[in-house]
Amino acid sequence: MCYTVGEGGRIVVEGCESEDALLELVGAPFIDYVPGTGVGDRGVSGLVDALADPALSILNIRRIDVTDPSSVELVTESGLRVLMGSVDTHAQCVAKLAALSREVELSAYRQIDLRLEGEATLVTW
């Protein structure tokens, strides 16, 4: 998948047709800050690719913060914060998040902590 740098540090997945598809990526190293360049970290680009899973589309993830690669945070359109831990373990966390989204109405929560192995902590509003 290809990423294009947009205004304000946003990236757009190639082929997006509307602003609804914009995703803010904070703290990721880009190869260069000109349109058409890509994310310079394979772990981060792998995370963004994994989050494109159709099972997660219901969450409308709008922000990925990888400023601290050991403590990745996602923010959804509704304001739900998802604490994922290390960018290196994103595959496990994305799988947990997809499973949760199928089983639980996540809009009732303001935070999900997936940093503990085998557990998810959900915090209500």
PDB file of N, CA and C in Angstrom:
ATOM      1  N   MET A   1       0.839  -1.169   0.000  1.00  0.00           N
ATOM      2  CA  MET A   1       0.000   0.000   0.000  1.00  0.00           C
ATOM      3  C   MET A   1       0.888   1.237   0.000  1.00  0.00           C
ATOM      4  N   CYS A   2       0.481   2.268  -0.666  1.00  0.00           N
ATOM      5  CA  CYS A   2       1.270   3.499  -0.767  1.00  0.00           C
ATOM      6  C   CYS A   2       0.615   4.597   0.065  1.00  0.00           C
ATOM      7  N   TYR A   3       1.441   5.437   0.666  1.00  0.00           N
ATOM      8  CA  TYR A   3       0.934   6.536   1.478  1.00  0.00           C
ATOM      9  C   TYR A   3       1.393   7.852   0.876  1.00  0.00           C
ATOM     10  N   THR A   4       0.542   8.828   0.885  1.00  0.00           N
ATOM     11  CA  THR A   4       0.877  10.148   0.380  1.00  0.00           C
ATOM     12  C   THR A   4       0.798  11.139   1.524  1.00  0.00           C
ATOM     13  N   VAL A   5       1.795  11.988   1.655  1.00  0.00           N
ATOM     14  CA  VAL A   5       1.802  12.993   2.717  1.00  0.00           C
ATOM     15  C   VAL A   5       0.837  14.102   2.352  1.00  0.00           C
ATOM     16  N   GLY A   6      -0.042  14.440   3.267  1.00  0.00           N
ATOM     17  CA  GLY A   6      -0.979  15.533   3.047  1.00  0.00           C
ATOM     18  C   GLY A   6      -0.680  16.685   3.986  1.00  0.00           C
ATOM     19  N   GLU A   7      -1.510  17.692   3.963  1.00  0.00           N
ATOM     20  CA  GLU A   7      -1.322  18.857   4.828  1.00  0.00           C
ATOM     21  C   GLU A   7      -1.454  18.460   6.292  1.00  0.00           C
ATOM     22  N   GLY A   8      -0.708  19.117   7.134  1.00  0.00           N
ATOM     23  CA  GLY A   8      -0.819  18.874   8.572  1.00  0.00           C
ATOM     24  C   GLY A   8      -0.279  17.540   9.020  1.00  0.00           C
ATOM     25  N   GLY A   9       0.606  16.920   8.239  1.00  0.00           N
ATOM     26  CA  GLY A   9       1.169  15.640   8.636  1.00  0.00           C
ATOM     27  C   GLY A   9       0.254  14.465   8.391  1.00  0.00           C
ATOM     28  N   ARG A  10      -0.786  14.659   7.616  1.00  0.00           N
ATOM     29  CA  ARG A  10      -1.711  13.567   7.328  1.00  0.00           C
ATOM     30  C   ARG A  10      -1.203  12.735   6.167  1.00  0.00           C
ATOM     31  N   ILE A  11      -1.594  11.471   6.154  1.00  0.00           N
ATOM     32  CA  ILE A  11      -1.291  10.638   5.009  1.00  0.00           C
ATOM     33  C   ILE A  11      -2.599  10.167   4.405  1.00  0.00           C
ATOM     34  N   VAL A  12      -2.575   9.872   3.152  1.00  0.00           N
ATOM     35  CA  VAL A  12      -3.754   9.377   2.464  1.00  0.00           C
ATOM     36  C   VAL A  12      -3.374   8.063   1.813  1.00  0.00           C
ATOM     37  N   VAL A  13      -4.172   7.029   2.051  1.00  0.00           N
ATOM     38  CA  VAL A  13      -3.924   5.757   1.403  1.00  0.00           C
ATOM     39  C   VAL A  13      -4.265   5.929  -0.063  1.00  0.00           C
ATOM     40  N   GLU A  14      -3.388   5.488  -0.928  1.00  0.00           N
ATOM     41  CA  GLU A  14      -3.592   5.666  -2.356  1.00  0.00           C
ATOM     42  C   GLU A  14      -4.950   5.113  -2.780  1.00  0.00           C
ATOM     43  N   GLY A  15      -5.656   5.873  -3.581  1.00  0.00           N
ATOM     44  CA  GLY A  15      -6.960   5.447  -4.062  1.00  0.00           C
ATOM     45  C   GLY A  15      -8.114   5.981  -3.239  1.00  0.00           C
ATOM     46  N   CYS A  16      -7.831   6.748  -2.184  1.00  0.00           N
ATOM     47  CA  CYS A  16      -8.900   7.322  -1.372  1.00  0.00           C
ATOM     48  C   CYS A  16      -9.652   8.353  -2.197  1.00  0.00           C
ATOM     49  N   GLU A  17     -10.946   8.363  -2.037  1.00  0.00           N
ATOM     50  CA  GLU A  17     -11.754   9.262  -2.839  1.00  0.00           C
ATOM     51  C   GLU A  17     -12.358  10.414  -2.057  1.00  0.00           C
ATOM     52  N   SER A  18     -12.245  10.416  -0.723  1.00  0.00           N
ATOM     53  CA  SER A  18     -12.858  11.500   0.041  1.00  0.00           C
ATOM     54  C   SER A  18     -12.022  11.833   1.262  1.00  0.00           C
ATOM     55  N   GLU A  19     -12.318  12.971   1.862  1.00  0.00           N
ATOM     56  CA  GLU A  19     -11.615  13.399   3.073  1.00  0.00           C
ATOM     57  C   GLU A  19     -11.897  12.456   4.230  1.00  0.00           C
ATOM     58  N   ASP A  20     -13.010  11.718   4.177  1.00  0.00           N
ATOM     59  CA  ASP A  20     -13.330  10.764   5.235  1.00  0.00           C
ATOM     60  C   ASP A  20     -12.256   9.699   5.367  1.00  0.00           C
ATOM     61  N   ALA A  21     -11.488   9.487   4.315  1.00  0.00           N
ATOM     62  CA  ALA A  21     -10.458   8.461   4.330  1.00  0.00           C
ATOM     63  C   ALA A  21      -9.129   8.975   4.865  1.00  0.00           C
ATOM     64  N   LEU A  22      -9.059  10.265   5.228  1.00  0.00           N
ATOM     65  CA  LEU A  22      -7.808  10.808   5.745  1.00  0.00           C
ATOM     66  C   LEU A  22      -7.503  10.223   7.115  1.00  0.00           C
ATOM     67  N   LEU A  23      -6.234   9.988   7.337  1.00  0.00           N
ATOM     68  CA  LEU A  23      -5.765   9.409   8.578  1.00  0.00           C
ATOM     69  C   LEU A  23      -4.568  10.217   9.042  1.00  0.00           C
ATOM     70  N   GLU A  24      -4.624  10.733  10.266  1.00  0.00           N
ATOM     71  CA  GLU A  24      -3.498  11.498  10.793  1.00  0.00           C
ATOM     72  C   GLU A  24      -2.501  10.521  11.405  1.00  0.00           C
ATOM     73  N   LEU A  25      -1.262  10.613  10.977  1.00  0.00           N
ATOM     74  CA  LEU A  25      -0.198   9.762  11.490  1.00  0.00           C
ATOM     75  C   LEU A  25       0.820  10.668  12.174  1.00  0.00           C
ATOM     76  N   VAL A  26       0.934  10.538  13.499  1.00  0.00           N
ATOM     77  CA  VAL A  26       1.784  11.418  14.293  1.00  0.00           C
ATOM     78  C   VAL A  26       3.038  10.665  14.728  1.00  0.00           C
ATOM     79  N   GLY A  27       4.190  11.295  14.533  1.00  0.00           N
ATOM     80  CA  GLY A  27       5.441  10.743  15.029  1.00  0.00           C
ATOM     81  C   GLY A  27       6.116   9.746  14.117  1.00  0.00           C
ATOM     82  N   ALA A  28       5.580   9.513  12.941  1.00  0.00           N
ATOM     83  CA  ALA A  28       6.179   8.546  12.027  1.00  0.00           C
ATOM     84  C   ALA A  28       7.243   9.206  11.175  1.00  0.00           C
ATOM     85  N   PRO A  29       8.358   8.524  10.977  1.00  0.00           N
ATOM     86  CA  PRO A  29       9.386   9.084  10.101  1.00  0.00           C
ATOM     87  C   PRO A  29       9.003   8.887   8.639  1.00  0.00           C
ATOM     88  N   PHE A  30       8.932   9.978   7.906  1.00  0.00           N
ATOM     89  CA  PHE A  30       8.680   9.892   6.472  1.00  0.00           C
ATOM     90  C   PHE A  30      10.010   9.930   5.735  1.00  0.00           C
ATOM     91  N   ILE A  31      10.053   9.363   4.561  1.00  0.00           N
ATOM     92  CA  ILE A  31      11.267   9.375   3.756  1.00  0.00           C
ATOM     93  C   ILE A  31      11.615  10.813   3.389  1.00  0.00           C
ATOM     94  N   ASP A  32      10.607  11.601   3.055  1.00  0.00           N
ATOM     95  CA  ASP A  32      10.784  13.010   2.732  1.00  0.00           C
ATOM     96  C   ASP A  32       9.417  13.661   2.896  1.00  0.00           C
ATOM     97  N   TYR A  33       9.392  14.945   3.166  1.00  0.00           N
ATOM     98  CA  TYR A  33       8.125  15.636   3.372  1.00  0.00           C
ATOM     99  C   TYR A  33       7.643  16.325   2.105  1.00  0.00           C
ATOM    100  N   VAL A  34       7.516  15.573   1.064  1.00  0.00           N
ATOM    101  CA  VAL A  34       6.936  16.073  -0.182  1.00  0.00           C
ATOM    102  C   VAL A  34       5.869  15.083  -0.613  1.00  0.00           C
ATOM    103  N   PRO A  35       4.822  15.553  -1.287  1.00  0.00           N
ATOM    104  CA  PRO A  35       3.758  14.641  -1.708  1.00  0.00           C
ATOM    105  C   PRO A  35       4.300  13.459  -2.500  1.00  0.00           C
ATOM    106  N   GLY A  36       3.779  12.291  -2.180  1.00  0.00           N
ATOM    107  CA  GLY A  36       4.152  11.076  -2.889  1.00  0.00           C
ATOM    108  C   GLY A  36       5.208  10.241  -2.206  1.00  0.00           C
ATOM    109  N   THR A  37       5.815  10.742  -1.118  1.00  0.00           N
ATOM    110  CA  THR A  37       6.812   9.945  -0.420  1.00  0.00           C
ATOM    111  C   THR A  37       6.134   9.060   0.610  1.00  0.00           C
ATOM    112  N   GLY A  38       6.850   8.086   1.091  1.00  0.00           N
ATOM    113  CA  GLY A  38       6.247   7.109   1.982  1.00  0.00           C
ATOM    114  C   GLY A  38       6.771   7.170   3.400  1.00  0.00           C
ATOM    115  N   VAL A  39       6.189   6.346   4.252  1.00  0.00           N
ATOM    116  CA  VAL A  39       6.590   6.202   5.640  1.00  0.00           C
ATOM    117  C   VAL A  39       7.918   5.452   5.651  1.00  0.00           C
ATOM    118  N   GLY A  40       8.882   5.957   6.420  1.00  0.00           N
ATOM    119  CA  GLY A  40      10.217   5.384   6.423  1.00  0.00           C
ATOM    120  C   GLY A  40      10.422   4.227   7.380  1.00  0.00           C
ATOM    121  N   ASP A  41       9.421   3.811   8.115  1.00  0.00           N
ATOM    122  CA  ASP A  41       9.546   2.737   9.095  1.00  0.00           C
ATOM    123  C   ASP A  41       8.598   1.608   8.707  1.00  0.00           C
ATOM    124  N   ARG A  42       9.150   0.438   8.450  1.00  0.00           N
ATOM    125  CA  ARG A  42       8.312  -0.699   8.015  1.00  0.00           C
ATOM    126  C   ARG A  42       7.328  -1.145   9.090  1.00  0.00           C
ATOM    127  N   GLY A  43       7.715  -1.018  10.356  1.00  0.00           N
ATOM    128  CA  GLY A  43       6.795  -1.378  11.432  1.00  0.00           C
ATOM    129  C   GLY A  43       5.570  -0.490  11.435  1.00  0.00           C
ATOM    130  N   VAL A  44       5.777   0.801  11.219  1.00  0.00           N
ATOM    131  CA  VAL A  44       4.663   1.754  11.191  1.00  0.00           C
ATOM    132  C   VAL A  44       3.795   1.514   9.957  1.00  0.00           C
ATOM    133  N   SER A  45       4.411   1.334   8.797  1.00  0.00           N
ATOM    134  CA  SER A  45       3.606   1.091   7.594  1.00  0.00           C
ATOM    135  C   SER A  45       2.859  -0.234   7.712  1.00  0.00           C
ATOM    136  N   GLY A  46       3.454  -1.235   8.368  1.00  0.00           N
ATOM    137  CA  GLY A  46       2.761  -2.503   8.610  1.00  0.00           C
ATOM    138  C   GLY A  46       1.566  -2.325   9.525  1.00  0.00           C
ATOM    139  N   LEU A  47       1.716  -1.471  10.530  1.00  0.00           N
ATOM    140  CA  LEU A  47       0.606  -1.170  11.441  1.00  0.00           C
ATOM    141  C   LEU A  47      -0.540  -0.510  10.683  1.00  0.00           C
ATOM    142  N   VAL A  48      -0.222   0.485   9.866  1.00  0.00           N
ATOM    143  CA  VAL A  48      -1.268   1.174   9.104  1.00  0.00           C
ATOM    144  C   VAL A  48      -1.961   0.193   8.158  1.00  0.00           C
ATOM    145  N   ASP A  49      -1.198  -0.670   7.519  1.00  0.00           N
ATOM    146  CA  ASP A  49      -1.787  -1.685   6.637  1.00  0.00           C
ATOM    147  C   ASP A  49      -2.711  -2.618   7.417  1.00  0.00           C
ATOM    148  N   ALA A  50      -2.258  -3.055   8.600  1.00  0.00           N
ATOM    149  CA  ALA A  50      -3.065  -3.963   9.416  1.00  0.00           C
ATOM    150  C   ALA A  50      -4.366  -3.309   9.864  1.00  0.00           C
ATOM    151  N   LEU A  51      -4.313  -2.010  10.153  1.00  0.00           N
ATOM    152  CA  LEU A  51      -5.516  -1.294  10.594  1.00  0.00           C
ATOM    153  C   LEU A  51      -6.508  -1.068   9.465  1.00  0.00           C
ATOM    154  N   ALA A  52      -6.100  -1.337   8.235  1.00  0.00           N
ATOM    155  CA  ALA A  52      -7.015  -1.230   7.098  1.00  0.00           C
ATOM    156  C   ALA A  52      -7.924  -2.458   6.997  1.00  0.00           C
ATOM    157  N   ASP A  53      -7.792  -3.388   7.926  1.00  0.00           N
ATOM    158  CA  ASP A  53      -8.627  -4.588   7.960  1.00  0.00           C
ATOM    159  C   ASP A  53     -10.104  -4.182   7.956  1.00  0.00           C
ATOM    160  N   PRO A  54     -10.893  -4.740   7.045  1.00  0.00           N
ATOM    161  CA  PRO A  54     -12.329  -4.390   6.980  1.00  0.00           C
ATOM    162  C   PRO A  54     -13.068  -4.598   8.301  1.00  0.00           C
ATOM    163  N   ALA A  55     -12.609  -5.521   9.136  1.00  0.00           N
ATOM    164  CA  ALA A  55     -13.261  -5.757  10.427  1.00  0.00           C
ATOM    165  C   ALA A  55     -13.141  -4.541  11.345  1.00  0.00           C
ATOM    166  N   LEU A  56     -12.157  -3.677  11.086  1.00  0.00           N
ATOM    167  CA  LEU A  56     -11.950  -2.500  11.928  1.00  0.00           C
ATOM    168  C   LEU A  56     -12.558  -1.234  11.344  1.00  0.00           C
ATOM    169  N   SER A  57     -13.155  -1.328  10.176  1.00  0.00           N
ATOM    170  CA  SER A  57     -13.708  -0.129   9.530  1.00  0.00           C
ATOM    171  C   SER A  57     -14.798   0.523  10.375  1.00  0.00           C
ATOM    172  N   ILE A  58     -15.489  -0.246  11.176  1.00  0.00           N
ATOM    173  CA  ILE A  58     -16.545   0.290  12.031  1.00  0.00           C
ATOM    174  C   ILE A  58     -15.986   1.282  13.066  1.00  0.00           C
ATOM    175  N   LEU A  59     -14.699   1.161  13.397  1.00  0.00           N
ATOM    176  CA  LEU A  59     -14.099   2.038  14.399  1.00  0.00           C
ATOM    177  C   LEU A  59     -13.786   3.435  13.862  1.00  0.00           C
ATOM    178  N   ASN A  60     -13.629   3.569  12.556  1.00  0.00           N
ATOM    179  CA  ASN A  60     -13.258   4.855  11.955  1.00  0.00           C
ATOM    180  C   ASN A  60     -12.033   5.462  12.640  1.00  0.00           C
ATOM    181  N   ILE A  61     -10.932   4.738  12.587  1.00  0.00           N
ATOM    182  CA  ILE A  61      -9.683   5.217  13.185  1.00  0.00           C
ATOM    183  C   ILE A  61      -9.221   6.443  12.410  1.00  0.00           C
ATOM    184  N   ARG A  62      -8.963   7.527  13.130  1.00  0.00           N
ATOM    185  CA  ARG A  62      -8.592   8.789  12.497  1.00  0.00           C
ATOM    186  C   ARG A  62      -7.185   9.252  12.848  1.00  0.00           C
ATOM    187  N   ARG A  63      -6.617   8.678  13.935  1.00  0.00           N
ATOM    188  CA  ARG A  63      -5.291   9.137  14.351  1.00  0.00           C
ATOM    189  C   ARG A  63      -4.497   7.952  14.872  1.00  0.00           C
ATOM    190  N   ILE A  64      -3.242   7.865  14.419  1.00  0.00           N
ATOM    191  CA  ILE A  64      -2.295   6.880  14.926  1.00  0.00           C
ATOM    192  C   ILE A  64      -1.099   7.666  15.438  1.00  0.00           C
ATOM    193  N   ASP A  65      -0.799   7.524  16.720  1.00  0.00           N
ATOM    194  CA  ASP A  65       0.328   8.235  17.308  1.00  0.00           C
ATOM    195  C   ASP A  65       1.443   7.236  17.611  1.00  0.00           C
ATOM    196  N   VAL A  66       2.536   7.347  16.865  1.00  0.00           N
ATOM    197  CA  VAL A  66       3.697   6.483  17.063  1.00  0.00           C
ATOM    198  C   VAL A  66       4.904   7.313  17.520  1.00  0.00           C
ATOM    199  N   THR A  67       4.617   8.446  18.168  1.00  0.00           N
ATOM    200  CA  THR A  67       5.684   9.309  18.673  1.00  0.00           C
ATOM    201  C   THR A  67       6.627   8.499  19.566  1.00  0.00           C
ATOM    202  N   ASP A  68       6.052   7.646  20.402  1.00  0.00           N
ATOM    203  CA  ASP A  68       6.830   6.704  21.211  1.00  0.00           C
ATOM    204  C   ASP A  68       6.524   5.309  20.665  1.00  0.00           C
ATOM    205  N   PRO A  69       7.434   4.711  19.896  1.00  0.00           N
ATOM    206  CA  PRO A  69       7.161   3.410  19.266  1.00  0.00           C
ATOM    207  C   PRO A  69       6.864   2.284  20.257  1.00  0.00           C
ATOM    208  N   SER A  70       7.174   2.486  21.537  1.00  0.00           N
ATOM    209  CA  SER A  70       6.863   1.460  22.530  1.00  0.00           C
ATOM    210  C   SER A  70       5.476   1.665  23.137  1.00  0.00           C
ATOM    211  N   SER A  71       4.804   2.741  22.734  1.00  0.00           N
ATOM    212  CA  SER A  71       3.481   3.046  23.284  1.00  0.00           C
ATOM    213  C   SER A  71       2.594   3.688  22.212  1.00  0.00           C
ATOM    214  N   VAL A  72       2.163   2.877  21.271  1.00  0.00           N
ATOM    215  CA  VAL A  72       1.330   3.346  20.159  1.00  0.00           C
ATOM    216  C   VAL A  72      -0.083   3.607  20.663  1.00  0.00           C
ATOM    217  N   GLU A  73      -0.673   4.697  20.185  1.00  0.00           N
ATOM    218  CA  GLU A  73      -2.041   5.039  20.560  1.00  0.00           C
ATOM    219  C   GLU A  73      -2.868   5.328  19.307  1.00  0.00           C
ATOM    220  N   LEU A  74      -4.078   4.792  19.280  1.00  0.00           N
ATOM    221  CA  LEU A  74      -5.034   5.063  18.210  1.00  0.00           C
ATOM    222  C   LEU A  74      -6.155   5.909  18.779  1.00  0.00           C
ATOM    223  N   VAL A  75      -6.740   6.752  17.947  1.00  0.00           N
ATOM    224  CA  VAL A  75      -7.917   7.521  18.346  1.00  0.00           C
ATOM    225  C   VAL A  75      -8.937   7.382  17.223  1.00  0.00           C
ATOM    226  N   THR A  76     -10.160   7.034  17.601  1.00  0.00           N
ATOM    227  CA  THR A  76     -11.219   6.864  16.612  1.00  0.00           C
ATOM    228  C   THR A  76     -11.979   8.166  16.421  1.00  0.00           C
ATOM    229  N   GLU A  77     -12.827   8.179  15.427  1.00  0.00           N
ATOM    230  CA  GLU A  77     -13.647   9.357  15.140  1.00  0.00           C
ATOM    231  C   GLU A  77     -14.506   9.757  16.338  1.00  0.00           C
ATOM    232  N   SER A  78     -14.957   8.769  17.117  1.00  0.00           N
ATOM    233  CA  SER A  78     -15.805   9.055  18.274  1.00  0.00           C
ATOM    234  C   SER A  78     -15.013   9.449  19.515  1.00  0.00           C
ATOM    235  N   GLY A  79     -13.664   9.415  19.438  1.00  0.00           N
ATOM    236  CA  GLY A  79     -12.843   9.793  20.575  1.00  0.00           C
ATOM    237  C   GLY A  79     -12.327   8.626  21.398  1.00  0.00           C
ATOM    238  N   LEU A  80     -12.647   7.410  21.012  1.00  0.00           N
ATOM    239  CA  LEU A  80     -12.143   6.225  21.708  1.00  0.00           C
ATOM    240  C   LEU A  80     -10.627   6.161  21.553  1.00  0.00           C
ATOM    241  N   ARG A  81      -9.922   6.013  22.673  1.00  0.00           N
ATOM    242  CA  ARG A  81      -8.460   5.862  22.656  1.00  0.00           C
ATOM    243  C   ARG A  81      -8.129   4.390  22.819  1.00  0.00           C
ATOM    244  N   VAL A  82      -7.237   3.892  21.962  1.00  0.00           N
ATOM    245  CA  VAL A  82      -6.792   2.500  22.035  1.00  0.00           C
ATOM    246  C   VAL A  82      -5.291   2.506  22.286  1.00  0.00           C
ATOM    247  N   LEU A  83      -4.886   1.972  23.433  1.00  0.00           N
ATOM    248  CA  LEU A  83      -3.475   1.895  23.801  1.00  0.00           C
ATOM    249  C   LEU A  83      -2.968   0.525  23.369  1.00  0.00           C
ATOM    250  N   MET A  84      -1.962   0.526  22.467  1.00  0.00           N
ATOM    251  CA  MET A  84      -1.551  -0.728  21.840  1.00  0.00           C
ATOM    252  C   MET A  84      -0.192  -1.254  22.252  1.00  0.00           C
ATOM    253  N   GLY A  85       0.591  -0.518  22.975  1.00  0.00           N
ATOM    254  CA  GLY A  85       1.929  -0.999  23.290  1.00  0.00           C
ATOM    255  C   GLY A  85       2.868  -0.754  22.122  1.00  0.00           C
ATOM    256  N   SER A  86       3.827  -1.646  21.948  1.00  0.00           N
ATOM    257  CA  SER A  86       4.892  -1.472  20.970  1.00  0.00           C
ATOM    258  C   SER A  86       4.431  -1.652  19.534  1.00  0.00           C
ATOM    259  N   VAL A  87       4.997  -0.854  18.642  1.00  0.00           N
ATOM    260  CA  VAL A  87       4.708  -0.986  17.213  1.00  0.00           C
ATOM    261  C   VAL A  87       5.142  -2.365  16.720  1.00  0.00           C
ATOM    262  N   ASP A  88       6.112  -2.983  17.388  1.00  0.00           N
ATOM    263  CA  ASP A  88       6.601  -4.300  16.987  1.00  0.00           C
ATOM    264  C   ASP A  88       5.608  -5.423  17.276  1.00  0.00           C
ATOM    265  N   THR A  89       4.650  -5.179  18.168  1.00  0.00           N
ATOM    266  CA  THR A  89       3.658  -6.206  18.502  1.00  0.00           C
ATOM    267  C   THR A  89       2.276  -5.845  17.951  1.00  0.00           C
ATOM    268  N   HIS A  90       2.245  -5.000  16.929  1.00  0.00           N
ATOM    269  CA  HIS A  90       0.966  -4.501  16.425  1.00  0.00           C
ATOM    270  C   HIS A  90       0.057  -5.600  15.894  1.00  0.00           C
ATOM    271  N   ALA A  91       0.602  -6.653  15.318  1.00  0.00           N
ATOM    272  CA  ALA A  91      -0.242  -7.701  14.731  1.00  0.00           C
ATOM    273  C   ALA A  91      -1.144  -8.329  15.792  1.00  0.00           C
ATOM    274  N   GLN A  92      -0.590  -8.620  16.960  1.00  0.00           N
ATOM    275  CA  GLN A  92      -1.379  -9.215  18.037  1.00  0.00           C
ATOM    276  C   GLN A  92      -2.446  -8.251  18.533  1.00  0.00           C
ATOM    277  N   CYS A  93      -2.083  -6.983  18.688  1.00  0.00           N
ATOM    278  CA  CYS A  93      -3.032  -5.986  19.183  1.00  0.00           C
ATOM    279  C   CYS A  93      -4.148  -5.731  18.176  1.00  0.00           C
ATOM    280  N   VAL A  94      -3.810  -5.676  16.901  1.00  0.00           N
ATOM    281  CA  VAL A  94      -4.835  -5.457  15.873  1.00  0.00           C
ATOM    282  C   VAL A  94      -5.795  -6.646  15.856  1.00  0.00           C
ATOM    283  N   ALA A  95      -5.288  -7.864  16.010  1.00  0.00           N
ATOM    284  CA  ALA A  95      -6.154  -9.049  16.054  1.00  0.00           C
ATOM    285  C   ALA A  95      -7.094  -8.983  17.259  1.00  0.00           C
ATOM    286  N   LYS A  96      -6.567  -8.570  18.421  1.00  0.00           N
ATOM    287  CA  LYS A  96      -7.411  -8.421  19.619  1.00  0.00           C
ATOM    288  C   LYS A  96      -8.484  -7.357  19.401  1.00  0.00           C
ATOM    289  N   LEU A  97      -8.086  -6.242  18.804  1.00  0.00           N
ATOM    290  CA  LEU A  97      -9.024  -5.149  18.559  1.00  0.00           C
ATOM    291  C   LEU A  97     -10.125  -5.586  17.590  1.00  0.00           C
ATOM    292  N   ALA A  98      -9.758  -6.318  16.555  1.00  0.00           N
ATOM    293  CA  ALA A  98     -10.756  -6.824  15.602  1.00  0.00           C
ATOM    294  C   ALA A  98     -11.726  -7.772  16.299  1.00  0.00           C
ATOM    295  N   ALA A  99     -11.208  -8.658  17.159  1.00  0.00           N
ATOM    296  CA  ALA A  99     -12.071  -9.588  17.901  1.00  0.00           C
ATOM    297  C   ALA A  99     -13.008  -8.827  18.833  1.00  0.00           C
ATOM    298  N   LEU A 100     -12.487  -7.816  19.525  1.00  0.00           N
ATOM    299  CA  LEU A 100     -13.326  -7.004  20.406  1.00  0.00           C
ATOM    300  C   LEU A 100     -14.427  -6.291  19.632  1.00  0.00           C
ATOM    301  N   SER A 101     -14.076  -5.763  18.466  1.00  0.00           N
ATOM    302  CA  SER A 101     -15.062  -5.006  17.686  1.00  0.00           C
ATOM    303  C   SER A 101     -16.211  -5.889  17.202  1.00  0.00           C
ATOM    304  N   ARG A 102     -15.958  -7.189  17.100  1.00  0.00           N
ATOM    305  CA  ARG A 102     -17.026  -8.120  16.707  1.00  0.00           C
ATOM    306  C   ARG A 102     -17.902  -8.530  17.888  1.00  0.00           C
ATOM    307  N   GLU A 103     -17.351  -8.467  19.112  1.00  0.00           N
ATOM    308  CA  GLU A 103     -18.044  -8.983  20.282  1.00  0.00           C
ATOM    309  C   GLU A 103     -18.649  -7.913  21.194  1.00  0.00           C
ATOM    310  N   VAL A 104     -18.090  -6.701  21.163  1.00  0.00           N
ATOM    311  CA  VAL A 104     -18.459  -5.665  22.134  1.00  0.00           C
ATOM    312  C   VAL A 104     -18.826  -4.384  21.393  1.00  0.00           C
ATOM    313  N   GLU A 105     -19.817  -3.667  21.899  1.00  0.00           N
ATOM    314  CA  GLU A 105     -20.171  -2.356  21.343  1.00  0.00           C
ATOM    315  C   GLU A 105     -19.164  -1.345  21.886  1.00  0.00           C
ATOM    316  N   LEU A 106     -18.142  -1.065  21.096  1.00  0.00           N
ATOM    317  CA  LEU A 106     -17.028  -0.250  21.568  1.00  0.00           C
ATOM    318  C   LEU A 106     -17.371   1.220  21.764  1.00  0.00           C
ATOM    319  N   SER A 107     -18.479   1.680  21.209  1.00  0.00           N
ATOM    320  CA  SER A 107     -18.861   3.089  21.389  1.00  0.00           C
ATOM    321  C   SER A 107     -19.222   3.398  22.843  1.00  0.00           C
ATOM    322  N   ALA A 108     -19.438   2.381  23.656  1.00  0.00           N
ATOM    323  CA  ALA A 108     -19.749   2.582  25.066  1.00  0.00           C
ATOM    324  C   ALA A 108     -18.496   2.834  25.905  1.00  0.00           C
ATOM    325  N   TYR A 109     -17.330   2.779  25.272  1.00  0.00           N
ATOM    326  CA  TYR A 109     -16.076   2.913  26.006  1.00  0.00           C
ATOM    327  C   TYR A 109     -15.292   4.123  25.534  1.00  0.00           C
ATOM    328  N   ARG A 110     -14.462   4.660  26.432  1.00  0.00           N
ATOM    329  CA  ARG A 110     -13.615   5.793  26.063  1.00  0.00           C
ATOM    330  C   ARG A 110     -12.166   5.388  25.894  1.00  0.00           C
ATOM    331  N   GLN A 111     -11.809   4.208  26.433  1.00  0.00           N
ATOM    332  CA  GLN A 111     -10.427   3.752  26.300  1.00  0.00           C
ATOM    333  C   GLN A 111     -10.365   2.235  26.334  1.00  0.00           C
ATOM    334  N   ILE A 112      -9.481   1.693  25.502  1.00  0.00           N
ATOM    335  CA  ILE A 112      -9.190   0.261  25.505  1.00  0.00           C
ATOM    336  C   ILE A 112      -7.682   0.126  25.633  1.00  0.00           C
ATOM    337  N   ASP A 113      -7.251  -0.640  26.610  1.00  0.00           N
ATOM    338  CA  ASP A 113      -5.822  -0.855  26.826  1.00  0.00           C
ATOM    339  C   ASP A 113      -5.504  -2.294  26.437  1.00  0.00           C
ATOM    340  N   LEU A 114      -4.718  -2.457  25.368  1.00  0.00           N
ATOM    341  CA  LEU A 114      -4.340  -3.780  24.866  1.00  0.00           C
ATOM    342  C   LEU A 114      -2.876  -4.096  25.164  1.00  0.00           C
ATOM    343  N   ARG A 115      -2.259  -3.338  26.053  1.00  0.00           N
ATOM    344  CA  ARG A 115      -0.830  -3.489  26.300  1.00  0.00           C
ATOM    345  C   ARG A 115      -0.476  -4.723  27.116  1.00  0.00           C
ATOM    346  N   LEU A 116      -1.406  -5.238  27.920  1.00  0.00           N
ATOM    347  CA  LEU A 116      -1.124  -6.435  28.700  1.00  0.00           C
ATOM    348  C   LEU A 116      -1.410  -7.667  27.853  1.00  0.00           C
ATOM    349  N   GLU A 117      -0.443  -8.538  27.779  1.00  0.00           N
ATOM    350  CA  GLU A 117      -0.574  -9.722  26.953  1.00  0.00           C
ATOM    351  C   GLU A 117      -1.760 -10.576  27.408  1.00  0.00           C
ATOM    352  N   GLY A 118      -2.634 -10.898  26.473  1.00  0.00           N
ATOM    353  CA  GLY A 118      -3.761 -11.770  26.778  1.00  0.00           C
ATOM    354  C   GLY A 118      -4.954 -11.070  27.410  1.00  0.00           C
ATOM    355  N   GLU A 119      -4.854  -9.780  27.707  1.00  0.00           N
ATOM    356  CA  GLU A 119      -5.944  -9.075  28.350  1.00  0.00           C
ATOM    357  C   GLU A 119      -6.259  -7.769  27.626  1.00  0.00           C
ATOM    358  N   ALA A 120      -7.501  -7.350  27.766  1.00  0.00           N
ATOM    359  CA  ALA A 120      -7.911  -6.043  27.281  1.00  0.00           C
ATOM    360  C   ALA A 120      -8.655  -5.360  28.424  1.00  0.00           C
ATOM    361  N   THR A 121      -8.268  -4.131  28.719  1.00  0.00           N
ATOM    362  CA  THR A 121      -8.939  -3.358  29.762  1.00  0.00           C
ATOM    363  C   THR A 121      -9.774  -2.305  29.064  1.00  0.00           C
ATOM    364  N   LEU A 122     -11.083  -2.315  29.314  1.00  0.00           N
ATOM    365  CA  LEU A 122     -11.993  -1.361  28.707  1.00  0.00           C
ATOM    366  C   LEU A 122     -12.477  -0.388  29.771  1.00  0.00           C
ATOM    367  N   VAL A 123     -12.401   0.906  29.472  1.00  0.00           N
ATOM    368  CA  VAL A 123     -12.799   1.961  30.414  1.00  0.00           C
ATOM    369  C   VAL A 123     -14.027   2.666  29.835  1.00  0.00           C
ATOM    370  N   THR A 124     -15.089   2.748  30.633  1.00  0.00           N
ATOM    371  CA  THR A 124     -16.314   3.398  30.162  1.00  0.00           C
ATOM    372  C   THR A 124     -16.214   4.907  30.279  1.00  0.00           C
ATOM    373  N   TRP A 125     -17.160   5.589  29.635  1.00  0.00           N
ATOM    374  CA  TRP A 125     -17.247   7.044  29.712  1.00  0.00           C
ATOM    375  C   TRP A 125     -17.670   7.393  31.094  1.00  0.00           C
TER     376      TRP A 125
END
